[in-house]
Amino acid sequence: MGTKRIAVLVALLVFGLYAIGRLADPGKTGTPDPFPMSGDAVPAAEIAGDIVDGRIEAQLFVATDRSYRLEIQFEPTADSPLSAATRPSVSFAMQDEHMDGIAPPLQSVSNGKWRAVGELPKAGKWVVNVGIGEDFAETEFQVQ
């Protein structure tokens, strides 16, 4: 095998390893997190409410491209038949539009903590409600 072929193979190997590293950790792309979690991050809306079986709290962060992150925490009362691991329900709906609500999938962050991420289809005034069963808390927010 010639020196040129070995050099080409080594270069391809290095490039391949670099590409695999980027795919394994895409956070190194240099694009900023649209939802900084520092103490300076201000949520677009906050939800807090006592429901029949406990207390539910949520913070909604909305970026300028209409993407959102909803952080939810559920704490059941001491006499509740529910556990903190009970999955809440979430629904987004436009306030002045006649369209079906959006029910994003939730991911469990830890016991009693959930997260929903996605993108809202259009700008305008929205309502988000978070709850367990038929009991929920809601708030309005504006998307630019």
N, C-alpha and C. Protein backbone atom coordinates (compact mmCIF):
# COMPACT_ATOMS: atom_id res chain seq x y z
N MET A 1 0.84 -1.17 0.00
CA MET A 1 0.00 0.00 0.00
C MET A 1 0.89 1.24 0.00
N GLY A 2 0.54 2.20 -0.83
CA GLY A 2 1.35 3.39 -0.95
C GLY A 2 1.11 4.37 0.18
N THR A 3 2.03 5.29 0.32
CA THR A 3 1.95 6.32 1.35
C THR A 3 0.71 7.19 1.17
N LYS A 4 0.36 7.48 -0.08
CA LYS A 4 -0.82 8.31 -0.34
C LYS A 4 -2.09 7.61 0.13
N ARG A 5 -2.21 6.33 -0.13
CA ARG A 5 -3.40 5.59 0.30
C ARG A 5 -3.50 5.56 1.82
N ILE A 6 -2.39 5.38 2.50
CA ILE A 6 -2.40 5.36 3.96
C ILE A 6 -2.82 6.73 4.50
N ALA A 7 -2.31 7.79 3.90
CA ALA A 7 -2.66 9.14 4.32
C ALA A 7 -4.16 9.40 4.12
N VAL A 8 -4.69 8.95 2.98
CA VAL A 8 -6.13 9.13 2.70
C VAL A 8 -6.95 8.32 3.71
N LEU A 9 -6.56 7.09 3.99
CA LEU A 9 -7.28 6.27 4.96
C LEU A 9 -7.25 6.88 6.36
N VAL A 10 -6.11 7.40 6.76
CA VAL A 10 -6.00 8.06 8.07
C VAL A 10 -6.89 9.30 8.12
N ALA A 11 -6.88 10.09 7.06
CA ALA A 11 -7.73 11.29 7.00
C ALA A 11 -9.20 10.91 7.07
N LEU A 12 -9.62 9.87 6.35
CA LEU A 12 -11.01 9.42 6.41
C LEU A 12 -11.37 8.90 7.80
N LEU A 13 -10.47 8.20 8.43
CA LEU A 13 -10.70 7.70 9.77
C LEU A 13 -10.87 8.85 10.77
N VAL A 14 -10.00 9.85 10.69
CA VAL A 14 -10.10 11.01 11.58
C VAL A 14 -11.40 11.76 11.34
N PHE A 15 -11.77 11.98 10.09
CA PHE A 15 -13.02 12.67 9.76
C PHE A 15 -14.21 11.85 10.27
N GLY A 16 -14.17 10.54 10.09
CA GLY A 16 -15.26 9.67 10.55
C GLY A 16 -15.43 9.74 12.05
N LEU A 17 -14.33 9.70 12.79
CA LEU A 17 -14.41 9.81 14.25
C LEU A 17 -14.94 11.17 14.69
N TYR A 18 -14.53 12.21 13.98
CA TYR A 18 -15.04 13.55 14.27
C TYR A 18 -16.55 13.61 14.05
N ALA A 19 -17.02 13.07 12.92
CA ALA A 19 -18.44 13.07 12.59
C ALA A 19 -19.24 12.28 13.61
N ILE A 20 -18.73 11.13 14.02
CA ILE A 20 -19.42 10.33 15.04
C ILE A 20 -19.49 11.09 16.36
N GLY A 21 -18.44 11.77 16.72
CA GLY A 21 -18.44 12.57 17.94
C GLY A 21 -19.47 13.69 17.89
N ARG A 22 -19.63 14.32 16.75
CA ARG A 22 -20.63 15.38 16.60
C ARG A 22 -22.04 14.82 16.69
N LEU A 23 -22.26 13.66 16.10
CA LEU A 23 -23.59 13.04 16.17
C LEU A 23 -23.90 12.59 17.59
N ALA A 24 -22.91 12.12 18.30
CA ALA A 24 -23.12 11.64 19.67
C ALA A 24 -23.37 12.79 20.64
N ASP A 25 -22.80 13.96 20.37
CA ASP A 25 -22.97 15.11 21.25
C ASP A 25 -23.26 16.35 20.40
N PRO A 26 -24.51 16.47 19.89
CA PRO A 26 -24.82 17.60 19.02
C PRO A 26 -24.80 18.94 19.73
N GLY A 27 -24.74 18.96 21.06
CA GLY A 27 -24.70 20.22 21.80
C GLY A 27 -23.45 21.03 21.52
N LYS A 28 -22.46 20.43 20.88
CA LYS A 28 -21.21 21.13 20.59
C LYS A 28 -21.27 21.88 19.26
N THR A 29 -22.44 22.04 18.69
CA THR A 29 -22.56 22.68 17.39
C THR A 29 -22.39 24.19 17.46
N GLY A 30 -22.43 24.75 18.64
CA GLY A 30 -22.25 26.19 18.77
C GLY A 30 -23.55 26.97 18.75
N THR A 31 -24.68 26.29 18.55
CA THR A 31 -25.95 27.01 18.56
C THR A 31 -26.38 27.19 20.01
N PRO A 32 -26.79 28.40 20.39
CA PRO A 32 -27.15 28.65 21.78
C PRO A 32 -28.46 27.95 22.15
N ASP A 33 -28.59 27.59 23.41
CA ASP A 33 -29.83 27.01 23.91
C ASP A 33 -30.89 28.11 23.92
N PRO A 34 -32.04 27.91 23.21
CA PRO A 34 -33.06 28.95 23.20
C PRO A 34 -33.76 29.08 24.54
N PHE A 35 -33.53 28.14 25.44
CA PHE A 35 -34.16 28.15 26.75
C PHE A 35 -33.12 28.08 27.84
N PRO A 36 -32.41 29.16 28.11
CA PRO A 36 -31.40 29.09 29.16
C PRO A 36 -32.04 28.78 30.50
N MET A 37 -31.38 27.94 31.29
CA MET A 37 -31.93 27.56 32.58
C MET A 37 -31.32 28.34 33.73
N SER A 38 -30.64 29.40 33.43
CA SER A 38 -30.03 30.19 34.49
C SER A 38 -31.10 30.93 35.28
N GLY A 39 -30.70 31.53 36.36
CA GLY A 39 -31.64 32.30 37.17
C GLY A 39 -32.18 33.51 36.43
N ASP A 40 -31.55 33.90 35.31
CA ASP A 40 -32.01 35.05 34.54
C ASP A 40 -33.14 34.71 33.58
N ALA A 41 -33.39 33.42 33.33
CA ALA A 41 -34.44 33.02 32.39
C ALA A 41 -35.80 33.39 32.98
N VAL A 42 -36.60 34.06 32.19
CA VAL A 42 -37.92 34.49 32.63
C VAL A 42 -38.97 33.70 31.86
N PRO A 43 -39.83 32.97 32.56
CA PRO A 43 -40.85 32.21 31.85
C PRO A 43 -41.91 33.11 31.23
N ALA A 44 -42.46 32.68 30.10
CA ALA A 44 -43.54 33.42 29.45
C ALA A 44 -44.83 33.28 30.25
N ALA A 45 -44.96 32.20 30.99
CA ALA A 45 -46.14 31.99 31.82
C ALA A 45 -45.79 31.03 32.96
N GLU A 46 -46.48 31.22 34.06
CA GLU A 46 -46.33 30.32 35.20
C GLU A 46 -47.71 29.85 35.62
N ILE A 47 -47.78 28.59 35.98
CA ILE A 47 -49.03 28.00 36.41
C ILE A 47 -48.80 27.41 37.79
N ALA A 48 -49.70 27.69 38.69
CA ALA A 48 -49.63 27.09 40.02
C ALA A 48 -51.05 26.94 40.51
N GLY A 49 -51.39 25.75 40.95
CA GLY A 49 -52.74 25.55 41.43
C GLY A 49 -52.87 24.32 42.29
N ASP A 50 -53.75 24.45 43.30
CA ASP A 50 -54.10 23.30 44.12
C ASP A 50 -55.22 22.57 43.41
N ILE A 51 -55.00 21.29 43.16
CA ILE A 51 -56.03 20.47 42.56
C ILE A 51 -56.45 19.45 43.61
N VAL A 52 -57.48 18.67 43.32
CA VAL A 52 -58.06 17.78 44.31
C VAL A 52 -57.02 16.89 44.98
N ASP A 53 -56.11 16.32 44.20
CA ASP A 53 -55.16 15.35 44.76
C ASP A 53 -53.77 15.91 45.01
N GLY A 54 -53.58 17.23 44.96
CA GLY A 54 -52.25 17.77 45.22
C GLY A 54 -52.07 19.17 44.67
N ARG A 55 -50.84 19.48 44.36
CA ARG A 55 -50.49 20.80 43.83
C ARG A 55 -49.71 20.58 42.55
N ILE A 56 -50.06 21.38 41.55
CA ILE A 56 -49.36 21.32 40.28
C ILE A 56 -48.78 22.69 39.98
N GLU A 57 -47.53 22.70 39.54
CA GLU A 57 -46.85 23.94 39.19
C GLU A 57 -46.15 23.73 37.85
N ALA A 58 -46.11 24.79 37.05
CA ALA A 58 -45.44 24.69 35.75
C ALA A 58 -44.88 26.04 35.36
N GLN A 59 -43.80 25.99 34.59
CA GLN A 59 -43.21 27.18 33.99
C GLN A 59 -43.09 26.93 32.50
N LEU A 60 -43.54 27.91 31.72
CA LEU A 60 -43.51 27.80 30.26
C LEU A 60 -42.51 28.81 29.71
N PHE A 61 -41.55 28.32 28.94
CA PHE A 61 -40.57 29.17 28.28
C PHE A 61 -40.88 29.12 26.78
N VAL A 62 -40.98 30.28 26.14
CA VAL A 62 -41.27 30.34 24.70
C VAL A 62 -40.17 31.14 24.03
N ALA A 63 -39.57 30.56 22.99
CA ALA A 63 -38.51 31.22 22.24
C ALA A 63 -39.12 32.02 21.09
N THR A 64 -38.30 32.86 20.46
CA THR A 64 -38.79 33.72 19.38
C THR A 64 -39.22 32.95 18.14
N ASP A 65 -38.78 31.69 18.00
CA ASP A 65 -39.19 30.89 16.84
C ASP A 65 -40.45 30.06 17.14
N ARG A 66 -41.17 30.36 18.21
CA ARG A 66 -42.40 29.71 18.66
C ARG A 66 -42.17 28.34 19.28
N SER A 67 -40.90 27.96 19.48
CA SER A 67 -40.65 26.70 20.18
C SER A 67 -40.84 26.96 21.67
N TYR A 68 -41.19 25.91 22.39
CA TYR A 68 -41.47 26.07 23.82
C TYR A 68 -40.89 24.90 24.61
N ARG A 69 -40.74 25.16 25.90
CA ARG A 69 -40.40 24.12 26.87
C ARG A 69 -41.28 24.37 28.08
N LEU A 70 -42.00 23.34 28.49
CA LEU A 70 -42.89 23.42 29.65
C LEU A 70 -42.34 22.51 30.73
N GLU A 71 -42.01 23.07 31.88
CA GLU A 71 -41.49 22.32 33.03
C GLU A 71 -42.63 22.18 34.04
N ILE A 72 -42.96 20.95 34.41
CA ILE A 72 -44.10 20.67 35.28
C ILE A 72 -43.64 19.93 36.53
N GLN A 73 -44.27 20.26 37.66
CA GLN A 73 -44.02 19.53 38.89
C GLN A 73 -45.36 19.23 39.55
N PHE A 74 -45.57 17.96 39.91
CA PHE A 74 -46.78 17.54 40.61
C PHE A 74 -46.41 16.98 41.96
N GLU A 75 -47.04 17.52 43.01
CA GLU A 75 -46.83 17.02 44.37
C GLU A 75 -48.18 16.62 44.95
N PRO A 76 -48.40 15.32 45.11
CA PRO A 76 -49.70 14.88 45.65
C PRO A 76 -49.83 15.20 47.13
N THR A 77 -51.07 15.33 47.59
CA THR A 77 -51.31 15.52 49.02
C THR A 77 -51.00 14.22 49.75
N ALA A 78 -50.84 14.30 51.05
CA ALA A 78 -50.48 13.12 51.84
C ALA A 78 -51.54 12.03 51.75
N ASP A 79 -52.82 12.38 51.64
CA ASP A 79 -53.89 11.39 51.59
C ASP A 79 -54.33 11.05 50.17
N SER A 80 -53.58 11.48 49.18
CA SER A 80 -53.94 11.24 47.79
C SER A 80 -53.66 9.80 47.38
N PRO A 81 -54.54 9.21 46.57
CA PRO A 81 -54.26 7.87 46.04
C PRO A 81 -53.22 7.92 44.91
N LEU A 82 -52.88 9.11 44.46
CA LEU A 82 -51.92 9.28 43.38
C LEU A 82 -50.50 9.39 43.92
N SER A 83 -49.54 9.04 43.10
CA SER A 83 -48.14 9.23 43.48
C SER A 83 -47.57 10.39 42.68
N ALA A 84 -46.38 10.83 43.05
CA ALA A 84 -45.72 11.91 42.32
C ALA A 84 -45.41 11.48 40.89
N ALA A 85 -45.36 10.19 40.64
CA ALA A 85 -45.05 9.67 39.31
C ALA A 85 -46.26 9.71 38.37
N THR A 86 -47.42 10.16 38.85
CA THR A 86 -48.61 10.24 38.01
C THR A 86 -48.38 11.25 36.89
N ARG A 87 -48.60 10.81 35.66
CA ARG A 87 -48.37 11.66 34.49
C ARG A 87 -49.50 12.68 34.38
N PRO A 88 -49.16 13.97 34.36
CA PRO A 88 -50.19 14.99 34.16
C PRO A 88 -50.62 15.05 32.69
N SER A 89 -51.67 15.77 32.43
CA SER A 89 -52.08 16.01 31.04
C SER A 89 -51.83 17.48 30.74
N VAL A 90 -51.50 17.77 29.49
CA VAL A 90 -51.20 19.13 29.04
C VAL A 90 -51.95 19.39 27.75
N SER A 91 -52.48 20.59 27.62
CA SER A 91 -53.15 20.97 26.38
C SER A 91 -52.89 22.44 26.09
N PHE A 92 -52.50 22.73 24.85
CA PHE A 92 -52.35 24.10 24.37
C PHE A 92 -53.49 24.36 23.40
N ALA A 93 -54.11 25.54 23.48
CA ALA A 93 -55.16 25.92 22.53
C ALA A 93 -55.06 27.42 22.28
N MET A 94 -55.34 27.82 21.04
CA MET A 94 -55.40 29.25 20.74
C MET A 94 -56.69 29.81 21.30
N GLN A 95 -56.61 30.97 21.90
CA GLN A 95 -57.76 31.53 22.58
C GLN A 95 -58.88 31.92 21.62
N ASP A 96 -58.55 32.53 20.49
CA ASP A 96 -59.58 33.05 19.59
C ASP A 96 -59.75 32.23 18.32
N GLU A 97 -59.20 31.06 18.26
CA GLU A 97 -59.28 30.22 17.07
C GLU A 97 -60.14 29.00 17.36
N HIS A 98 -60.72 28.47 16.33
CA HIS A 98 -61.50 27.24 16.45
C HIS A 98 -60.67 26.10 15.88
N MET A 99 -59.72 25.66 16.66
CA MET A 99 -58.88 24.56 16.24
C MET A 99 -58.70 23.61 17.40
N ASP A 100 -58.39 22.35 17.08
CA ASP A 100 -58.17 21.37 18.13
C ASP A 100 -56.98 21.78 18.98
N GLY A 101 -57.03 21.41 20.24
CA GLY A 101 -55.91 21.68 21.13
C GLY A 101 -54.73 20.79 20.80
N ILE A 102 -53.57 21.21 21.25
CA ILE A 102 -52.34 20.45 21.05
C ILE A 102 -52.00 19.79 22.37
N ALA A 103 -51.83 18.47 22.36
CA ALA A 103 -51.47 17.72 23.56
C ALA A 103 -50.07 17.15 23.34
N PRO A 104 -49.03 17.88 23.77
CA PRO A 104 -47.66 17.42 23.52
C PRO A 104 -47.30 16.21 24.36
N PRO A 105 -46.39 15.40 23.85
CA PRO A 105 -45.91 14.27 24.67
C PRO A 105 -45.06 14.80 25.83
N LEU A 106 -45.14 14.12 26.95
CA LEU A 106 -44.37 14.50 28.13
C LEU A 106 -43.23 13.52 28.34
N GLN A 107 -42.13 14.04 28.81
CA GLN A 107 -41.01 13.19 29.17
C GLN A 107 -40.79 13.34 30.67
N SER A 108 -40.57 12.23 31.34
CA SER A 108 -40.32 12.25 32.78
C SER A 108 -38.89 12.72 33.02
N VAL A 109 -38.75 13.75 33.85
CA VAL A 109 -37.44 14.28 34.19
C VAL A 109 -36.94 13.62 35.48
N SER A 110 -37.82 13.50 36.45
CA SER A 110 -37.55 12.80 37.70
C SER A 110 -38.91 12.57 38.35
N ASN A 111 -38.93 11.96 39.52
CA ASN A 111 -40.19 11.65 40.19
C ASN A 111 -40.99 12.93 40.45
N GLY A 112 -42.14 13.05 39.82
CA GLY A 112 -43.00 14.22 40.00
C GLY A 112 -42.67 15.38 39.09
N LYS A 113 -41.65 15.25 38.25
CA LYS A 113 -41.25 16.33 37.34
C LYS A 113 -41.33 15.85 35.90
N TRP A 114 -41.92 16.69 35.07
CA TRP A 114 -42.16 16.35 33.67
C TRP A 114 -41.75 17.50 32.79
N ARG A 115 -41.51 17.21 31.51
CA ARG A 115 -41.13 18.25 30.55
C ARG A 115 -41.82 17.97 29.22
N ALA A 116 -42.28 19.04 28.60
CA ALA A 116 -42.83 18.97 27.24
C ALA A 116 -42.08 20.01 26.41
N VAL A 117 -41.66 19.62 25.23
CA VAL A 117 -41.01 20.55 24.31
C VAL A 117 -41.68 20.41 22.95
N GLY A 118 -41.70 21.49 22.22
CA GLY A 118 -42.31 21.47 20.89
C GLY A 118 -42.31 22.84 20.28
N GLU A 119 -43.13 23.00 19.27
CA GLU A 119 -43.26 24.28 18.58
C GLU A 119 -44.73 24.55 18.32
N LEU A 120 -45.16 25.75 18.67
CA LEU A 120 -46.55 26.14 18.43
C LEU A 120 -46.70 26.57 16.96
N PRO A 121 -47.80 26.21 16.32
CA PRO A 121 -47.92 26.42 14.88
C PRO A 121 -48.05 27.88 14.43
N LYS A 122 -48.51 28.77 15.31
CA LYS A 122 -48.64 30.16 14.88
C LYS A 122 -48.61 31.12 16.07
N ALA A 123 -48.35 32.36 15.75
CA ALA A 123 -48.32 33.40 16.77
C ALA A 123 -49.75 33.75 17.18
N GLY A 124 -49.88 34.30 18.37
CA GLY A 124 -51.18 34.72 18.87
C GLY A 124 -51.32 34.47 20.35
N LYS A 125 -52.54 34.60 20.83
CA LYS A 125 -52.83 34.39 22.26
C LYS A 125 -53.20 32.93 22.46
N TRP A 126 -52.49 32.28 23.38
CA TRP A 126 -52.67 30.87 23.67
C TRP A 126 -53.08 30.66 25.12
N VAL A 127 -53.69 29.51 25.37
CA VAL A 127 -54.02 29.07 26.73
C VAL A 127 -53.38 27.70 26.90
N VAL A 128 -52.71 27.49 28.01
CA VAL A 128 -52.16 26.18 28.33
C VAL A 128 -52.80 25.72 29.63
N ASN A 129 -53.23 24.45 29.65
CA ASN A 129 -53.71 23.91 30.91
C ASN A 129 -52.96 22.64 31.22
N VAL A 130 -52.72 22.47 32.51
CA VAL A 130 -51.95 21.34 33.04
C VAL A 130 -52.75 20.77 34.20
N GLY A 131 -52.92 19.47 34.21
CA GLY A 131 -53.69 18.90 35.30
C GLY A 131 -53.58 17.39 35.39
N ILE A 132 -54.37 16.87 36.32
CA ILE A 132 -54.47 15.44 36.53
C ILE A 132 -55.96 15.11 36.43
N GLY A 133 -56.30 14.22 35.52
CA GLY A 133 -57.71 13.86 35.34
C GLY A 133 -58.52 15.06 34.89
N GLU A 134 -59.62 15.30 35.57
CA GLU A 134 -60.52 16.41 35.21
C GLU A 134 -60.16 17.71 35.92
N ASP A 135 -59.18 17.69 36.79
CA ASP A 135 -58.81 18.85 37.59
C ASP A 135 -57.52 19.46 37.01
N PHE A 136 -57.55 20.75 36.70
CA PHE A 136 -56.38 21.36 36.08
C PHE A 136 -56.26 22.83 36.44
N ALA A 137 -55.09 23.38 36.15
CA ALA A 137 -54.81 24.81 36.29
C ALA A 137 -54.45 25.31 34.91
N GLU A 138 -54.75 26.57 34.62
CA GLU A 138 -54.45 27.09 33.29
C GLU A 138 -54.02 28.55 33.35
N THR A 139 -53.39 28.99 32.27
CA THR A 139 -52.99 30.38 32.13
C THR A 139 -52.91 30.73 30.66
N GLU A 140 -52.96 32.03 30.39
CA GLU A 140 -52.83 32.54 29.02
C GLU A 140 -51.42 33.05 28.81
N PHE A 141 -50.99 33.04 27.55
CA PHE A 141 -49.70 33.61 27.20
C PHE A 141 -49.72 34.03 25.75
N GLN A 142 -48.83 34.92 25.40
CA GLN A 142 -48.75 35.47 24.04
C GLN A 142 -47.53 34.89 23.33
N VAL A 143 -47.71 34.51 22.08
CA VAL A 143 -46.62 34.04 21.24
C VAL A 143 -46.45 35.03 20.09
N GLN A 144 -45.24 35.54 19.93
CA GLN A 144 -44.97 36.53 18.87
C GLN A 144 -44.73 35.88 17.54
